[in-house]
Amino acid sequence: MYLTSEVKEGIFESHGKAKSKIDTGSAESQIALFTHRINHLTQHLKKNHKDHSTTLGLLKLVGKRRALLDYLIKKDITRYRAIIAELGIRK
């Protein structure tokens, strides 16, 4: 499996707001997890272009990530700019 619990913990520790414990609820950590999953599904679809159910799942993940990014823009623009620069995604 591509997303083990160790990989998730690493993502949450590196992108979460609270450094003392694993932060799974912050927008930054959720965006980082969605980005990891989006990258994995994109690689899968390059090999299996007729996998329509994966395409639908990918589009739903992109929409969820976009909604969280829009939330961050409204809430705190500096956090938005930091996560965009850190993950290498842009609008």
PDB file of N, CA and C in Angstrom:
ATOM      1  N   MET A   1       0.842  -1.180   0.000  1.00  0.00           N
ATOM      2  CA  MET A   1       0.000   0.000   0.000  1.00  0.00           C
ATOM      3  C   MET A   1       0.885   1.241   0.000  1.00  0.00           C
ATOM      4  N   TYR A   2       0.477   2.237  -0.769  1.00  0.00           N
ATOM      5  CA  TYR A   2       1.322   3.409  -0.954  1.00  0.00           C
ATOM      6  C   TYR A   2       1.284   4.365   0.229  1.00  0.00           C
ATOM      7  N   LEU A   3       0.209   4.350   1.006  1.00  0.00           N
ATOM      8  CA  LEU A   3       0.056   5.319   2.084  1.00  0.00           C
ATOM      9  C   LEU A   3      -0.047   4.581   3.415  1.00  0.00           C
ATOM     10  N   THR A   4       1.105   4.308   4.004  1.00  0.00           N
ATOM     11  CA  THR A   4       1.129   3.622   5.287  1.00  0.00           C
ATOM     12  C   THR A   4       0.952   4.640   6.409  1.00  0.00           C
ATOM     13  N   SER A   5       0.767   4.136   7.602  1.00  0.00           N
ATOM     14  CA  SER A   5       0.568   5.039   8.732  1.00  0.00           C
ATOM     15  C   SER A   5       1.838   5.843   9.026  1.00  0.00           C
ATOM     16  N   GLU A   6       3.003   5.278   8.743  1.00  0.00           N
ATOM     17  CA  GLU A   6       4.252   6.020   8.958  1.00  0.00           C
ATOM     18  C   GLU A   6       4.368   7.198   7.998  1.00  0.00           C
ATOM     19  N   VAL A   7       3.949   6.976   6.755  1.00  0.00           N
ATOM     20  CA  VAL A   7       3.993   8.063   5.771  1.00  0.00           C
ATOM     21  C   VAL A   7       3.022   9.166   6.167  1.00  0.00           C
ATOM     22  N   LYS A   8       1.826   8.784   6.618  1.00  0.00           N
ATOM     23  CA  LYS A   8       0.844   9.778   7.063  1.00  0.00           C
ATOM     24  C   LYS A   8       1.375  10.577   8.240  1.00  0.00           C
ATOM     25  N   GLU A   9       1.968   9.888   9.221  1.00  0.00           N
ATOM     26  CA  GLU A   9       2.519  10.590  10.381  1.00  0.00           C
ATOM     27  C   GLU A   9       3.613  11.550   9.965  1.00  0.00           C
ATOM     28  N   GLY A  10       4.438  11.146   9.024  1.00  0.00           N
ATOM     29  CA  GLY A  10       5.489  12.038   8.530  1.00  0.00           C
ATOM     30  C   GLY A  10       4.925  13.276   7.865  1.00  0.00           C
ATOM     31  N   ILE A  11       3.864  13.100   7.084  1.00  0.00           N
ATOM     32  CA  ILE A  11       3.221  14.245   6.432  1.00  0.00           C
ATOM     33  C   ILE A  11       2.622  15.176   7.477  1.00  0.00           C
ATOM     34  N   PHE A  12       1.933  14.605   8.470  1.00  0.00           N
ATOM     35  CA  PHE A  12       1.293  15.425   9.493  1.00  0.00           C
ATOM     36  C   PHE A  12       2.315  16.128  10.375  1.00  0.00           C
ATOM     37  N   GLU A  13       3.432  15.475  10.676  1.00  0.00           N
ATOM     38  CA  GLU A  13       4.460  16.117  11.504  1.00  0.00           C
ATOM     39  C   GLU A  13       5.143  17.258  10.765  1.00  0.00           C
ATOM     40  N   SER A  14       5.382  17.092   9.464  1.00  0.00           N
ATOM     41  CA  SER A  14       6.112  18.123   8.736  1.00  0.00           C
ATOM     42  C   SER A  14       5.233  19.309   8.328  1.00  0.00           C
ATOM     43  N   HIS A  15       3.926  19.100   8.197  1.00  0.00           N
ATOM     44  CA  HIS A  15       3.064  20.182   7.726  1.00  0.00           C
ATOM     45  C   HIS A  15       2.045  20.653   8.743  1.00  0.00           C
ATOM     46  N   GLY A  16       1.934  20.002   9.893  1.00  0.00           N
ATOM     47  CA  GLY A  16       0.957  20.409  10.899  1.00  0.00           C
ATOM     48  C   GLY A  16       1.384  21.669  11.619  1.00  0.00           C
ATOM     49  N   LYS A  17       0.426  22.322  12.233  1.00  0.00           N
ATOM     50  CA  LYS A  17       0.729  23.549  12.973  1.00  0.00           C
ATOM     51  C   LYS A  17       1.348  23.243  14.323  1.00  0.00           C
ATOM     52  N   ALA A  18       0.806  22.243  15.035  1.00  0.00           N
ATOM     53  CA  ALA A  18       1.315  21.894  16.360  1.00  0.00           C
ATOM     54  C   ALA A  18       2.503  20.958  16.197  1.00  0.00           C
ATOM     55  N   LYS A  19       3.667  21.389  16.626  1.00  0.00           N
ATOM     56  CA  LYS A  19       4.879  20.590  16.458  1.00  0.00           C
ATOM     57  C   LYS A  19       5.061  19.569  17.578  1.00  0.00           C
ATOM     58  N   SER A  20       4.337  19.730  18.690  1.00  0.00           N
ATOM     59  CA  SER A  20       4.533  18.819  19.819  1.00  0.00           C
ATOM     60  C   SER A  20       3.781  17.509  19.646  1.00  0.00           C
ATOM     61  N   LYS A  21       2.717  17.506  18.847  1.00  0.00           N
ATOM     62  CA  LYS A  21       1.939  16.295  18.624  1.00  0.00           C
ATOM     63  C   LYS A  21       1.517  16.230  17.167  1.00  0.00           C
ATOM     64  N   ILE A  22       0.983  15.111  16.774  1.00  0.00           N
ATOM     65  CA  ILE A  22       0.557  14.939  15.394  1.00  0.00           C
ATOM     66  C   ILE A  22      -0.740  15.713  15.182  1.00  0.00           C
ATOM     67  N   ASP A  23      -0.710  16.631  14.233  1.00  0.00           N
ATOM     68  CA  ASP A  23      -1.836  17.523  13.965  1.00  0.00           C
ATOM     69  C   ASP A  23      -2.510  17.077  12.672  1.00  0.00           C
ATOM     70  N   THR A  24      -3.641  16.382  12.791  1.00  0.00           N
ATOM     71  CA  THR A  24      -4.337  15.886  11.614  1.00  0.00           C
ATOM     72  C   THR A  24      -5.464  16.801  11.172  1.00  0.00           C
ATOM     73  N   GLY A  25      -5.811  17.786  11.961  1.00  0.00           N
ATOM     74  CA  GLY A  25      -6.974  18.597  11.665  1.00  0.00           C
ATOM     75  C   GLY A  25      -6.696  19.922  11.005  1.00  0.00           C
ATOM     76  N   SER A  26      -5.453  20.368  11.003  1.00  0.00           N
ATOM     77  CA  SER A  26      -5.182  21.681  10.421  1.00  0.00           C
ATOM     78  C   SER A  26      -5.320  21.621   8.902  1.00  0.00           C
ATOM     79  N   ALA A  27      -5.629  22.749   8.332  1.00  0.00           N
ATOM     80  CA  ALA A  27      -5.818  22.815   6.887  1.00  0.00           C
ATOM     81  C   ALA A  27      -4.522  22.486   6.149  1.00  0.00           C
ATOM     82  N   GLU A  28      -3.391  22.903   6.696  1.00  0.00           N
ATOM     83  CA  GLU A  28      -2.113  22.642   6.038  1.00  0.00           C
ATOM     84  C   GLU A  28      -1.811  21.155   5.947  1.00  0.00           C
ATOM     85  N   SER A  29      -2.058  20.435   7.039  1.00  0.00           N
ATOM     86  CA  SER A  29      -1.769  19.001   7.024  1.00  0.00           C
ATOM     87  C   SER A  29      -2.734  18.260   6.106  1.00  0.00           C
ATOM     88  N   GLN A  30      -3.989  18.674   6.063  1.00  0.00           N
ATOM     89  CA  GLN A  30      -4.942  18.035   5.163  1.00  0.00           C
ATOM     90  C   GLN A  30      -4.606  18.324   3.703  1.00  0.00           C
ATOM     91  N   ILE A  31      -4.177  19.534   3.402  1.00  0.00           N
ATOM     92  CA  ILE A  31      -3.775  19.883   2.042  1.00  0.00           C
ATOM     93  C   ILE A  31      -2.560  19.072   1.632  1.00  0.00           C
ATOM     94  N   ALA A  32      -1.609  18.895   2.546  1.00  0.00           N
ATOM     95  CA  ALA A  32      -0.418  18.105   2.243  1.00  0.00           C
ATOM     96  C   ALA A  32      -0.785  16.643   1.975  1.00  0.00           C
ATOM     97  N   LEU A  33      -1.706  16.092   2.758  1.00  0.00           N
ATOM     98  CA  LEU A  33      -2.141  14.711   2.544  1.00  0.00           C
ATOM     99  C   LEU A  33      -2.870  14.582   1.209  1.00  0.00           C
ATOM    100  N   PHE A  34      -3.756  15.515   0.901  1.00  0.00           N
ATOM    101  CA  PHE A  34      -4.458  15.478  -0.380  1.00  0.00           C
ATOM    102  C   PHE A  34      -3.471  15.590  -1.539  1.00  0.00           C
ATOM    103  N   THR A  35      -2.458  16.432  -1.403  1.00  0.00           N
ATOM    104  CA  THR A  35      -1.465  16.595  -2.462  1.00  0.00           C
ATOM    105  C   THR A  35      -0.700  15.303  -2.682  1.00  0.00           C
ATOM    106  N   HIS A  36      -0.347  14.609  -1.601  1.00  0.00           N
ATOM    107  CA  HIS A  36       0.345  13.332  -1.728  1.00  0.00           C
ATOM    108  C   HIS A  36      -0.531  12.320  -2.459  1.00  0.00           C
ATOM    109  N   ARG A  37      -1.795  12.260  -2.101  1.00  0.00           N
ATOM    110  CA  ARG A  37      -2.720  11.332  -2.749  1.00  0.00           C
ATOM    111  C   ARG A  37      -2.963  11.713  -4.209  1.00  0.00           C
ATOM    112  N   ILE A  38      -3.060  13.005  -4.504  1.00  0.00           N
ATOM    113  CA  ILE A  38      -3.267  13.469  -5.876  1.00  0.00           C
ATOM    114  C   ILE A  38      -2.077  13.092  -6.747  1.00  0.00           C
ATOM    115  N   ASN A  39      -0.875  13.273  -6.227  1.00  0.00           N
ATOM    116  CA  ASN A  39       0.320  12.910  -6.987  1.00  0.00           C
ATOM    117  C   ASN A  39       0.351  11.417  -7.276  1.00  0.00           C
ATOM    118  N   HIS A  40      -0.041  10.603  -6.294  1.00  0.00           N
ATOM    119  CA  HIS A  40      -0.054   9.159  -6.495  1.00  0.00           C
ATOM    120  C   HIS A  40      -1.087   8.765  -7.556  1.00  0.00           C
ATOM    121  N   LEU A  41      -2.287   9.331  -7.474  1.00  0.00           N
ATOM    122  CA  LEU A  41      -3.323   8.996  -8.445  1.00  0.00           C
ATOM    123  C   LEU A  41      -2.973   9.489  -9.842  1.00  0.00           C
ATOM    124  N   THR A  42      -2.285  10.604  -9.935  1.00  0.00           N
ATOM    125  CA  THR A  42      -1.853  11.113 -11.233  1.00  0.00           C
ATOM    126  C   THR A  42      -0.873  10.153 -11.886  1.00  0.00           C
ATOM    127  N   GLN A  43       0.078   9.625 -11.108  1.00  0.00           N
ATOM    128  CA  GLN A  43       1.016   8.640 -11.639  1.00  0.00           C
ATOM    129  C   GLN A  43       0.291   7.373 -12.071  1.00  0.00           C
ATOM    130  N   HIS A  44      -0.709   6.953 -11.309  1.00  0.00           N
ATOM    131  CA  HIS A  44      -1.485   5.770 -11.652  1.00  0.00           C
ATOM    132  C   HIS A  44      -2.236   5.975 -12.966  1.00  0.00           C
ATOM    133  N   LEU A  45      -2.811   7.158 -13.147  1.00  0.00           N
ATOM    134  CA  LEU A  45      -3.594   7.420 -14.353  1.00  0.00           C
ATOM    135  C   LEU A  45      -2.724   7.598 -15.594  1.00  0.00           C
ATOM    136  N   LYS A  46      -1.447   7.905 -15.419  1.00  0.00           N
ATOM    137  CA  LYS A  46      -0.558   7.958 -16.576  1.00  0.00           C
ATOM    138  C   LYS A  46      -0.356   6.571 -17.173  1.00  0.00           C
ATOM    139  N   LYS A  47      -0.402   5.558 -16.329  1.00  0.00           N
ATOM    140  CA  LYS A  47      -0.248   4.181 -16.797  1.00  0.00           C
ATOM    141  C   LYS A  47      -1.587   3.568 -17.197  1.00  0.00           C
ATOM    142  N   ASN A  48      -2.660   3.919 -16.475  1.00  0.00           N
ATOM    143  CA  ASN A  48      -3.980   3.329 -16.671  1.00  0.00           C
ATOM    144  C   ASN A  48      -4.984   4.414 -17.032  1.00  0.00           C
ATOM    145  N   HIS A  49      -4.918   4.898 -18.251  1.00  0.00           N
ATOM    146  CA  HIS A  49      -5.732   6.041 -18.634  1.00  0.00           C
ATOM    147  C   HIS A  49      -7.210   5.718 -18.775  1.00  0.00           C
ATOM    148  N   LYS A  50      -7.590   4.453 -18.817  1.00  0.00           N
ATOM    149  CA  LYS A  50      -9.012   4.097 -18.928  1.00  0.00           C
ATOM    150  C   LYS A  50      -9.667   3.817 -17.582  1.00  0.00           C
ATOM    151  N   ASP A  51      -8.979   4.084 -16.502  1.00  0.00           N
ATOM    152  CA  ASP A  51      -9.513   3.846 -15.165  1.00  0.00           C
ATOM    153  C   ASP A  51     -10.380   5.048 -14.763  1.00  0.00           C
ATOM    154  N   HIS A  52     -11.652   4.965 -15.108  1.00  0.00           N
ATOM    155  CA  HIS A  52     -12.541   6.111 -14.925  1.00  0.00           C
ATOM    156  C   HIS A  52     -12.916   6.342 -13.462  1.00  0.00           C
ATOM    157  N   SER A  53     -12.986   5.297 -12.666  1.00  0.00           N
ATOM    158  CA  SER A  53     -13.321   5.489 -11.254  1.00  0.00           C
ATOM    159  C   SER A  53     -12.198   6.216 -10.519  1.00  0.00           C
ATOM    160  N   THR A  54     -10.957   5.943 -10.896  1.00  0.00           N
ATOM    161  CA  THR A  54      -9.840   6.663 -10.303  1.00  0.00           C
ATOM    162  C   THR A  54      -9.841   8.119 -10.754  1.00  0.00           C
ATOM    163  N   THR A  55     -10.228   8.355 -11.993  1.00  0.00           N
ATOM    164  CA  THR A  55     -10.325   9.728 -12.491  1.00  0.00           C
ATOM    165  C   THR A  55     -11.347  10.523 -11.682  1.00  0.00           C
ATOM    166  N   LEU A  56     -12.479   9.900 -11.388  1.00  0.00           N
ATOM    167  CA  LEU A  56     -13.499  10.561 -10.580  1.00  0.00           C
ATOM    168  C   LEU A  56     -12.979  10.845  -9.170  1.00  0.00           C
ATOM    169  N   GLY A  57     -12.296   9.877  -8.565  1.00  0.00           N
ATOM    170  CA  GLY A  57     -11.718  10.090  -7.240  1.00  0.00           C
ATOM    171  C   GLY A  57     -10.690  11.197  -7.233  1.00  0.00           C
ATOM    172  N   LEU A  58      -9.877  11.265  -8.293  1.00  0.00           N
ATOM    173  CA  LEU A  58      -8.874  12.319  -8.407  1.00  0.00           C
ATOM    174  C   LEU A  58      -9.536  13.688  -8.491  1.00  0.00           C
ATOM    175  N   LEU A  59     -10.583  13.801  -9.283  1.00  0.00           N
ATOM    176  CA  LEU A  59     -11.274  15.084  -9.411  1.00  0.00           C
ATOM    177  C   LEU A  59     -11.913  15.509  -8.093  1.00  0.00           C
ATOM    178  N   LYS A  60     -12.440  14.548  -7.329  1.00  0.00           N
ATOM    179  CA  LYS A  60     -13.014  14.880  -6.031  1.00  0.00           C
ATOM    180  C   LYS A  60     -11.937  15.361  -5.061  1.00  0.00           C
ATOM    181  N   LEU A  61     -10.765  14.720  -5.078  1.00  0.00           N
ATOM    182  CA  LEU A  61      -9.671  15.150  -4.204  1.00  0.00           C
ATOM    183  C   LEU A  61      -9.187  16.544  -4.566  1.00  0.00           C
ATOM    184  N   VAL A  62      -9.096  16.825  -5.851  1.00  0.00           N
ATOM    185  CA  VAL A  62      -8.665  18.155  -6.281  1.00  0.00           C
ATOM    186  C   VAL A  62      -9.663  19.210  -5.810  1.00  0.00           C
ATOM    187  N   GLY A  63     -10.953  18.885  -5.864  1.00  0.00           N
ATOM    188  CA  GLY A  63     -11.968  19.814  -5.389  1.00  0.00           C
ATOM    189  C   GLY A  63     -11.892  20.049  -3.897  1.00  0.00           C
ATOM    190  N   LYS A  64     -11.635  18.989  -3.136  1.00  0.00           N
ATOM    191  CA  LYS A  64     -11.489  19.140  -1.681  1.00  0.00           C
ATOM    192  C   LYS A  64     -10.281  20.002  -1.341  1.00  0.00           C
ATOM    193  N   ARG A  65      -9.166  19.745  -2.056  1.00  0.00           N
ATOM    194  CA  ARG A  65      -7.959  20.538  -1.797  1.00  0.00           C
ATOM    195  C   ARG A  65      -8.193  21.993  -2.169  1.00  0.00           C
ATOM    196  N   ARG A  66      -8.898  22.231  -3.282  1.00  0.00           N
ATOM    197  CA  ARG A  66      -9.190  23.596  -3.705  1.00  0.00           C
ATOM    198  C   ARG A  66     -10.048  24.312  -2.671  1.00  0.00           C
ATOM    199  N   ALA A  67     -11.028  23.597  -2.085  1.00  0.00           N
ATOM    200  CA  ALA A  67     -11.885  24.203  -1.063  1.00  0.00           C
ATOM    201  C   ALA A  67     -11.066  24.579   0.172  1.00  0.00           C
ATOM    202  N   LEU A  68     -10.142  23.717   0.580  1.00  0.00           N
ATOM    203  CA  LEU A  68      -9.298  24.041   1.734  1.00  0.00           C
ATOM    204  C   LEU A  68      -8.369  25.205   1.432  1.00  0.00           C
ATOM    205  N   LEU A  69      -7.845  25.264   0.201  1.00  0.00           N
ATOM    206  CA  LEU A  69      -6.991  26.392  -0.169  1.00  0.00           C
ATOM    207  C   LEU A  69      -7.788  27.696  -0.202  1.00  0.00           C
ATOM    208  N   ASP A  70      -9.019  27.638  -0.684  1.00  0.00           N
ATOM    209  CA  ASP A  70      -9.866  28.835  -0.666  1.00  0.00           C
ATOM    210  C   ASP A  70     -10.159  29.283   0.761  1.00  0.00           C
ATOM    211  N   TYR A  71     -10.362  28.317   1.652  1.00  0.00           N
ATOM    212  CA  TYR A  71     -10.569  28.634   3.062  1.00  0.00           C
ATOM    213  C   TYR A  71      -9.343  29.350   3.635  1.00  0.00           C
ATOM    214  N   LEU A  72      -8.156  28.837   3.308  1.00  0.00           N
ATOM    215  CA  LEU A  72      -6.935  29.466   3.826  1.00  0.00           C
ATOM    216  C   LEU A  72      -6.742  30.875   3.271  1.00  0.00           C
ATOM    217  N   ILE A  73      -7.134  31.090   2.024  1.00  0.00           N
ATOM    218  CA  ILE A  73      -7.015  32.442   1.456  1.00  0.00           C
ATOM    219  C   ILE A  73      -7.864  33.418   2.268  1.00  0.00           C
ATOM    220  N   LYS A  74      -9.079  33.009   2.603  1.00  0.00           N
ATOM    221  CA  LYS A  74      -9.979  33.892   3.352  1.00  0.00           C
ATOM    222  C   LYS A  74      -9.530  34.066   4.796  1.00  0.00           C
ATOM    223  N   LYS A  75      -8.995  32.985   5.384  1.00  0.00           N
ATOM    224  CA  LYS A  75      -8.658  32.995   6.804  1.00  0.00           C
ATOM    225  C   LYS A  75      -7.308  33.677   7.074  1.00  0.00           C
ATOM    226  N   ASP A  76      -6.266  33.218   6.369  1.00  0.00           N
ATOM    227  CA  ASP A  76      -4.920  33.733   6.625  1.00  0.00           C
ATOM    228  C   ASP A  76      -4.080  33.579   5.362  1.00  0.00           C
ATOM    229  N   ILE A  77      -3.833  34.678   4.678  1.00  0.00           N
ATOM    230  CA  ILE A  77      -3.139  34.641   3.388  1.00  0.00           C
ATOM    231  C   ILE A  77      -1.681  34.207   3.532  1.00  0.00           C
ATOM    232  N   THR A  78      -1.062  34.486   4.664  1.00  0.00           N
ATOM    233  CA  THR A  78       0.338  34.091   4.839  1.00  0.00           C
ATOM    234  C   THR A  78       0.466  32.575   4.957  1.00  0.00           C
ATOM    235  N   ARG A  79      -0.481  31.936   5.650  1.00  0.00           N
ATOM    236  CA  ARG A  79      -0.471  30.464   5.730  1.00  0.00           C
ATOM    237  C   ARG A  79      -0.697  29.857   4.357  1.00  0.00           C
ATOM    238  N   TYR A  80      -1.571  30.474   3.566  1.00  0.00           N
ATOM    239  CA  TYR A  80      -1.832  30.005   2.202  1.00  0.00           C
ATOM    240  C   TYR A  80      -0.563  30.082   1.363  1.00  0.00           C
ATOM    241  N   ARG A  81       0.101  31.220   1.399  1.00  0.00           N
ATOM    242  CA  ARG A  81       1.335  31.385   0.599  1.00  0.00           C
ATOM    243  C   ARG A  81       2.428  30.425   1.046  1.00  0.00           C
ATOM    244  N   ALA A  82       2.496  30.172   2.353  1.00  0.00           N
ATOM    245  CA  ALA A  82       3.514  29.256   2.863  1.00  0.00           C
ATOM    246  C   ALA A  82       3.265  27.825   2.384  1.00  0.00           C
ATOM    247  N   ILE A  83       2.021  27.353   2.430  1.00  0.00           N
ATOM    248  CA  ILE A  83       1.740  25.975   2.034  1.00  0.00           C
ATOM    249  C   ILE A  83       1.881  25.812   0.524  1.00  0.00           C
ATOM    250  N   ILE A  84       1.531  26.839  -0.246  1.00  0.00           N
ATOM    251  CA  ILE A  84       1.696  26.785  -1.700  1.00  0.00           C
ATOM    252  C   ILE A  84       3.177  26.670  -2.051  1.00  0.00           C
ATOM    253  N   ALA A  85       4.006  27.480  -1.397  1.00  0.00           N
ATOM    254  CA  ALA A  85       5.429  27.439  -1.679  1.00  0.00           C
ATOM    255  C   ALA A  85       6.062  26.137  -1.217  1.00  0.00           C
ATOM    256  N   GLU A  86       5.610  25.627  -0.086  1.00  0.00           N
ATOM    257  CA  GLU A  86       6.190  24.406   0.483  1.00  0.00           C
ATOM    258  C   GLU A  86       5.865  23.175  -0.350  1.00  0.00           C
ATOM    259  N   LEU A  87       4.634  23.093  -0.852  1.00  0.00           N
ATOM    260  CA  LEU A  87       4.221  21.919  -1.613  1.00  0.00           C
ATOM    261  C   LEU A  87       4.468  22.053  -3.107  1.00  0.00           C
ATOM    262  N   GLY A  88       4.740  23.256  -3.562  1.00  0.00           N
ATOM    263  CA  GLY A  88       5.008  23.453  -4.972  1.00  0.00           C
ATOM    264  C   GLY A  88       3.763  23.424  -5.843  1.00  0.00           C
ATOM    265  N   ILE A  89       2.622  23.795  -5.269  1.00  0.00           N
ATOM    266  CA  ILE A  89       1.387  23.873  -6.058  1.00  0.00           C
ATOM    267  C   ILE A  89       1.027  25.332  -6.221  1.00  0.00           C
ATOM    268  N   ARG A  90       0.296  25.619  -7.245  1.00  0.00           N
ATOM    269  CA  ARG A  90      -0.122  27.002  -7.463  1.00  0.00           C
ATOM    270  C   ARG A  90      -1.507  27.011  -8.060  1.00  0.00           C
ATOM    271  N   LYS A  91      -2.142  28.155  -8.002  1.00  0.00           N
ATOM    272  CA  LYS A  91      -3.503  28.287  -8.492  1.00  0.00           C
ATOM    273  C   LYS A  91      -3.522  28.444  -9.998  1.00  0.00           C
TER     274      LYS A  91
END
